[in-house]
Amino acid sequence: MLKEMKINSLPAPTWNWLRLNYVNVTMPEEADDFLTSTEEADGVEIMRFTVGDKDYVSNREVAVEDGKNATFIMNYTSENQVSAGIFNKASDAKEAKVNASDDGRQEDIYKKGAVTKINATGNITFNVGKGATLSLVQVFMVSNDANLANNVVINADDKAKVKVIQLFLGGRKTFSELVINLNNKADADVKNAYYVQDKNLLDINYVANHIGKKSTSNMEIKGVLRDNAEKIFRGTIDLRNQGKGAEGKEHEDVLMLDPGVINKTIPLILCTEEDVFGSHGATIGRLDEELM
């Protein structure tokens, strides 16, 4: 059974005509788990997720005890896949013609009334204890016939440290949301790299909620767009009341290789506390022709 819902919602809506406040999707309420294997090596837990031609849902909650260190590597691929992303350009280009509009682009999924079907949904919550450290690496190399939604929530207790790396190299339509709740003196460092090509879409929503005092966060997003690819990045730093001394930073670098790409970047700072610091920025452009 499918349920319709809004995902990747901005914490504070912008103008409706921009059509960037959220995405309407349908996703299965219950389906097979696409976690195919787990193993542990040298204190690192490696989880492999495989997307096939069915609907999939994976729900997990992980606790990192006070003062402990935990590292997770999560790899997302497709069945019968030799490679993905930049490595199988020819086959990807052929696949991407499916469901394209007359001008060669994917249909506008953000227009009023549009709904996108998600066939693989991953939800995971990490509860990071006092003084604990979480290191999370997610690598997405699914094929160009997959619509995938990734949702990560991290609750960082006092003095906890969170390090997140996300790498996106494939997928027809990929939606990724990361919400980090930071308590007193908690710290989060987020790094994202992406390569989007053909007619594929990457929609990212990051939210750093500075709840406690002297919490810190830093987001660095870097990527490349080519062909008729589309990418949306929503990055929110929420400096909340009673979070005195909190600091949040975010920055994105986007390299656009072809005139047909679409890039939308929405940096957002919310503030209800005076004694805080927040900054955001973006560098977006093409390589100089002489340099090429």
Protein backbone atom coordinates (compact mmCIF):
# COMPACT_ATOMS: atom_id res chain seq x y z
CA MET A 1 0.00 0.00 0.00
CA LEU A 2 1.33 3.42 -0.98
CA LYS A 3 1.09 6.56 1.12
CA GLU A 4 1.38 10.12 -0.18
CA MET A 5 3.49 12.57 1.79
CA LYS A 6 5.71 15.64 1.61
CA ILE A 7 9.47 15.20 2.01
CA ASN A 8 12.52 17.50 2.05
CA SER A 9 10.43 20.33 3.50
CA LEU A 10 12.00 23.69 4.27
CA PRO A 11 11.63 24.52 8.00
CA ALA A 12 10.51 28.02 7.00
CA PRO A 13 8.66 28.15 3.66
CA THR A 14 9.75 30.46 0.87
CA TRP A 15 7.62 31.84 -2.00
CA ASN A 16 5.25 29.19 -3.34
CA TRP A 17 5.91 30.16 -6.97
CA LEU A 18 9.49 28.94 -6.56
CA ARG A 19 8.09 25.42 -5.93
CA LEU A 20 10.94 24.55 -3.58
CA ASN A 21 9.23 24.21 -0.20
CA TYR A 22 8.80 20.43 -0.41
CA VAL A 23 8.35 17.47 -2.75
CA ASN A 24 5.17 15.41 -3.10
CA VAL A 25 5.89 11.68 -3.26
CA THR A 26 4.27 8.33 -2.78
CA MET A 27 6.13 5.55 -1.01
CA PRO A 28 5.23 2.10 0.29
CA GLU A 29 4.18 1.84 3.92
CA GLU A 30 5.43 -1.73 4.15
CA ALA A 31 7.80 -3.56 1.81
CA ASP A 32 10.87 -5.77 1.78
CA ASP A 33 13.99 -4.48 3.48
CA PHE A 34 16.76 -3.79 0.96
CA LEU A 35 19.57 -4.26 3.49
CA THR A 36 21.38 -7.23 1.94
CA SER A 37 24.40 -7.66 4.22
CA THR A 38 26.20 -6.33 7.28
CA GLU A 39 29.71 -6.97 8.48
CA GLU A 40 32.10 -5.53 11.02
CA ALA A 41 35.81 -4.96 10.50
CA ASP A 42 38.16 -3.11 12.84
CA GLY A 43 35.25 -1.52 14.67
CA VAL A 44 33.54 -0.32 11.48
CA GLU A 45 30.06 -1.59 10.64
CA ILE A 46 29.51 -1.92 6.88
CA MET A 47 25.94 -2.10 5.60
CA ARG A 48 25.01 -2.87 1.99
CA PHE A 49 21.66 -1.97 0.47
CA THR A 50 20.60 -3.31 -2.93
CA VAL A 51 17.74 -1.89 -5.00
CA GLY A 52 15.92 -4.16 -7.45
CA ASP A 53 12.68 -3.96 -9.42
CA LYS A 54 10.37 -4.04 -6.35
CA ASP A 55 9.42 -1.56 -3.64
CA TYR A 56 11.67 -1.43 -0.59
CA VAL A 57 11.62 0.12 2.89
CA SER A 58 14.36 0.06 5.50
CA ASN A 59 13.77 1.47 9.02
CA ARG A 60 16.44 1.49 11.69
CA GLU A 61 17.35 3.15 14.99
CA VAL A 62 20.90 3.03 16.34
CA ALA A 63 22.22 4.13 19.73
CA VAL A 64 25.81 5.19 20.41
CA GLU A 65 26.41 4.98 24.15
CA ASP A 66 27.89 7.79 26.20
CA GLY A 67 31.61 8.24 25.56
CA LYS A 68 31.74 5.57 22.84
CA ASN A 69 32.91 5.88 19.21
CA ALA A 70 30.99 4.31 16.33
CA THR A 71 31.59 4.25 12.57
CA PHE A 72 29.08 3.16 9.93
CA ILE A 73 29.58 2.79 6.17
CA MET A 74 26.38 2.41 4.16
CA ASN A 75 26.64 1.46 0.47
CA TYR A 76 23.65 1.69 -1.89
CA THR A 77 23.75 -0.13 -5.25
CA SER A 78 21.40 -1.87 -7.70
CA GLU A 79 20.95 -5.53 -8.65
CA ASN A 80 23.05 -6.81 -11.58
CA GLN A 81 25.03 -3.60 -11.59
CA VAL A 82 28.65 -3.62 -12.67
CA SER A 83 29.21 0.08 -12.08
CA ALA A 84 27.30 3.32 -11.69
CA GLY A 85 27.42 7.03 -12.16
CA ILE A 86 30.42 8.31 -14.11
CA PHE A 87 31.60 4.78 -14.94
CA ASN A 88 28.77 3.62 -17.24
CA LYS A 89 28.01 6.79 -19.11
CA ALA A 90 26.87 5.14 -22.33
CA SER A 91 24.31 2.78 -20.78
CA ASP A 92 23.05 5.47 -18.38
CA ALA A 93 22.39 7.85 -21.26
CA LYS A 94 20.29 5.22 -22.98
CA GLU A 95 18.27 4.41 -19.87
CA ALA A 96 17.63 8.05 -19.06
CA LYS A 97 15.47 8.50 -22.18
CA VAL A 98 12.64 6.68 -20.43
CA ASN A 99 9.90 8.98 -19.07
CA ALA A 100 11.57 12.07 -20.51
CA SER A 101 9.46 14.95 -21.84
CA ASP A 102 9.57 16.13 -25.46
CA ASP A 103 12.44 18.56 -24.84
CA GLY A 104 14.58 15.74 -23.45
CA ARG A 105 14.09 16.69 -19.80
CA GLN A 106 12.44 14.77 -17.03
CA GLU A 107 8.92 15.92 -16.21
CA ASP A 108 8.69 18.78 -13.71
CA ILE A 109 8.04 16.99 -10.42
CA TYR A 110 7.71 20.28 -8.52
CA LYS A 111 4.70 21.64 -10.40
CA LYS A 112 1.34 21.78 -8.64
CA GLY A 113 -0.29 18.37 -8.43
CA ALA A 114 2.83 16.42 -9.39
CA VAL A 115 3.64 13.31 -7.36
CA THR A 116 6.79 11.19 -7.63
CA LYS A 117 6.77 7.49 -6.78
CA ILE A 118 9.65 6.35 -4.58
CA ASN A 119 10.57 2.68 -4.93
CA ALA A 120 13.27 2.52 -2.22
CA THR A 121 13.07 4.35 1.11
CA GLY A 122 15.75 4.27 3.81
CA ASN A 123 15.05 5.76 7.25
CA ILE A 124 17.64 5.68 10.03
CA THR A 125 17.87 7.48 13.38
CA PHE A 126 21.09 7.76 15.38
CA ASN A 127 20.95 8.65 19.08
CA VAL A 128 24.47 9.76 20.02
CA GLY A 129 25.14 9.85 23.76
CA LYS A 130 27.04 12.36 25.87
CA GLY A 131 30.65 12.75 24.72
CA ALA A 132 30.19 10.05 22.08
CA THR A 133 31.39 10.22 18.46
CA LEU A 134 29.47 9.09 15.37
CA SER A 135 31.12 8.78 11.95
CA LEU A 136 28.70 8.02 9.11
CA VAL A 137 29.60 7.46 5.45
CA GLN A 138 26.88 6.93 2.82
CA VAL A 139 27.72 6.12 -0.81
CA PHE A 140 24.92 6.08 -3.41
CA MET A 141 25.70 4.32 -6.70
CA VAL A 142 22.26 3.06 -7.72
CA SER A 143 21.35 2.71 -11.40
CA ASN A 144 19.45 5.25 -13.46
CA ASP A 145 16.10 3.49 -13.12
CA ALA A 146 15.85 3.95 -9.34
CA ASN A 147 13.97 6.60 -7.36
CA LEU A 148 15.41 6.57 -3.87
CA ALA A 149 14.65 8.50 -0.67
CA ASN A 150 17.22 8.64 2.13
CA ASN A 151 16.25 10.07 5.51
CA VAL A 152 18.75 10.39 8.37
CA VAL A 153 18.03 11.91 11.79
CA ILE A 154 20.87 12.36 14.28
CA ASN A 155 20.22 13.35 17.90
CA ALA A 156 23.53 14.54 19.39
CA ASP A 157 23.62 14.80 23.17
CA ASP A 158 25.92 17.12 25.13
CA LYS A 159 29.53 17.25 23.80
CA ALA A 160 28.79 14.61 21.17
CA LYS A 161 30.65 14.78 17.85
CA VAL A 162 29.06 13.90 14.53
CA LYS A 163 30.86 13.44 11.23
CA VAL A 164 28.84 12.72 8.08
CA ILE A 165 30.09 12.10 4.53
CA GLN A 166 27.61 11.54 1.70
CA LEU A 167 28.59 10.72 -1.89
CA PHE A 168 26.00 10.68 -4.70
CA LEU A 169 27.00 9.06 -8.02
CA GLY A 170 23.81 7.61 -9.47
CA GLY A 171 20.03 7.31 -9.41
CA ARG A 172 17.20 8.60 -11.60
CA LYS A 173 15.71 10.69 -8.81
CA THR A 174 17.43 10.79 -5.42
CA PHE A 175 16.03 12.61 -2.39
CA SER A 176 18.23 12.90 0.68
CA GLU A 177 17.34 14.52 3.99
CA LEU A 178 19.67 14.93 6.96
CA VAL A 179 18.47 16.48 10.24
CA ILE A 180 20.93 16.93 13.11
CA ASN A 181 19.74 18.03 16.55
CA LEU A 182 22.62 19.51 18.56
CA ASN A 183 22.59 19.83 22.32
CA ASN A 184 25.10 21.65 24.56
CA LYS A 185 28.60 21.81 22.99
CA ALA A 186 27.69 19.17 20.43
CA ASP A 187 29.48 19.44 17.08
CA ALA A 188 28.52 18.35 13.56
CA ASP A 189 30.67 18.28 10.45
CA VAL A 190 28.89 17.39 7.19
CA LYS A 191 30.55 16.87 3.82
CA ASN A 192 28.69 16.09 0.62
CA ALA A 193 29.99 15.39 -2.89
CA TYR A 194 27.87 14.67 -5.95
CA TYR A 195 28.10 14.03 -9.68
CA VAL A 196 24.75 14.29 -11.48
CA GLN A 197 24.45 13.64 -15.20
CA ASP A 198 22.03 12.77 -18.03
CA LYS A 199 18.49 13.78 -16.99
CA ASN A 200 18.85 12.75 -13.38
CA LEU A 201 17.74 14.68 -10.30
CA LEU A 202 19.34 15.10 -6.88
CA ASP A 203 17.27 16.83 -4.18
CA ILE A 204 19.07 17.47 -0.87
CA ASN A 205 17.69 18.90 2.37
CA TYR A 206 20.05 19.47 5.32
CA VAL A 207 18.93 20.93 8.66
CA ALA A 208 21.17 21.69 11.64
CA ASN A 209 19.08 22.48 14.73
CA HIS A 210 21.21 24.27 17.35
CA ILE A 211 19.22 23.48 20.47
CA GLY A 212 21.91 23.62 23.16
CA LYS A 213 24.49 26.21 24.14
CA LYS A 214 27.81 26.51 22.28
CA SER A 215 26.90 23.87 19.71
CA THR A 216 28.69 24.04 16.34
CA SER A 217 27.98 22.84 12.82
CA ASN A 218 29.66 23.02 9.44
CA MET A 219 28.25 21.90 6.07
CA GLU A 220 30.38 21.67 2.92
CA ILE A 221 28.68 20.65 -0.32
CA LYS A 222 30.59 20.24 -3.59
CA GLY A 223 29.40 18.84 -6.87
CA VAL A 224 29.34 18.66 -10.65
CA LEU A 225 26.33 18.88 -12.98
CA ARG A 226 26.39 17.91 -16.64
CA ASP A 227 24.06 17.15 -19.58
CA ASN A 228 20.47 17.98 -18.49
CA ALA A 229 20.92 17.13 -14.82
CA GLU A 230 19.07 18.97 -12.05
CA LYS A 231 20.13 19.53 -8.45
CA ILE A 232 18.40 21.25 -5.53
CA PHE A 233 20.13 21.94 -2.24
CA ARG A 234 18.26 23.24 0.80
CA GLY A 235 20.59 24.00 3.70
CA THR A 236 19.14 25.30 6.97
CA ILE A 237 20.94 26.46 10.12
CA ASP A 238 18.40 26.95 12.91
CA LEU A 239 19.91 28.90 15.82
CA ARG A 240 17.27 28.42 18.47
CA ASN A 241 16.34 30.31 21.59
CA GLN A 242 18.54 29.51 24.64
CA GLY A 243 21.28 28.17 22.37
CA LYS A 244 23.73 30.92 23.35
CA GLY A 245 27.17 30.78 21.78
CA ALA A 246 26.08 28.46 18.95
CA GLU A 247 27.83 28.69 15.57
CA GLY A 248 26.65 27.34 12.23
CA LYS A 249 28.31 27.50 8.80
CA GLU A 250 27.42 26.20 5.35
CA HIS A 251 28.96 26.55 1.90
CA GLU A 252 28.37 25.01 -1.52
CA ASP A 253 30.53 24.87 -4.65
CA VAL A 254 28.76 23.89 -7.89
CA LEU A 255 30.49 23.26 -11.22
CA MET A 256 28.10 23.30 -14.20
CA LEU A 257 29.62 21.63 -17.27
CA ASP A 258 26.75 22.03 -19.75
CA PRO A 259 24.18 24.75 -20.55
CA GLY A 260 21.27 22.34 -20.05
CA VAL A 261 21.79 21.80 -16.30
CA ILE A 262 19.54 23.25 -13.61
CA ASN A 263 20.91 24.22 -10.22
CA LYS A 264 18.90 25.60 -7.30
CA THR A 265 20.58 26.47 -4.01
CA ILE A 266 18.61 27.65 -0.97
CA PRO A 267 20.81 28.54 2.02
CA LEU A 268 18.67 29.47 5.02
CA ILE A 269 19.54 30.81 8.48
CA LEU A 270 16.86 30.95 11.16
CA CYS A 271 17.63 32.75 14.40
CA THR A 272 15.71 33.31 17.64
CA GLU A 273 18.79 33.88 19.84
CA GLU A 274 21.03 36.94 19.91
CA ASP A 275 24.39 35.55 21.05
CA VAL A 276 25.01 33.25 18.06
CA PHE A 277 26.86 33.19 14.73
CA GLY A 278 25.72 31.90 11.36
CA SER A 279 27.14 32.14 7.85
CA HIS A 280 26.33 30.73 4.42
CA GLY A 281 27.65 31.06 0.90
CA ALA A 282 27.73 29.47 -2.53
CA THR A 283 30.05 29.49 -5.53
CA ILE A 284 28.25 28.51 -8.72
CA GLY A 285 29.59 28.69 -12.27
CA ARG A 286 31.20 27.12 -15.32
CA LEU A 287 34.81 26.55 -16.29
CA ASP A 288 36.31 29.26 -18.42
CA GLU A 289 36.35 28.22 -22.11
CA GLU A 290 40.02 29.14 -22.41
CA LEU A 291 40.76 26.89 -19.45
CA MET A 292 38.90 24.03 -21.14
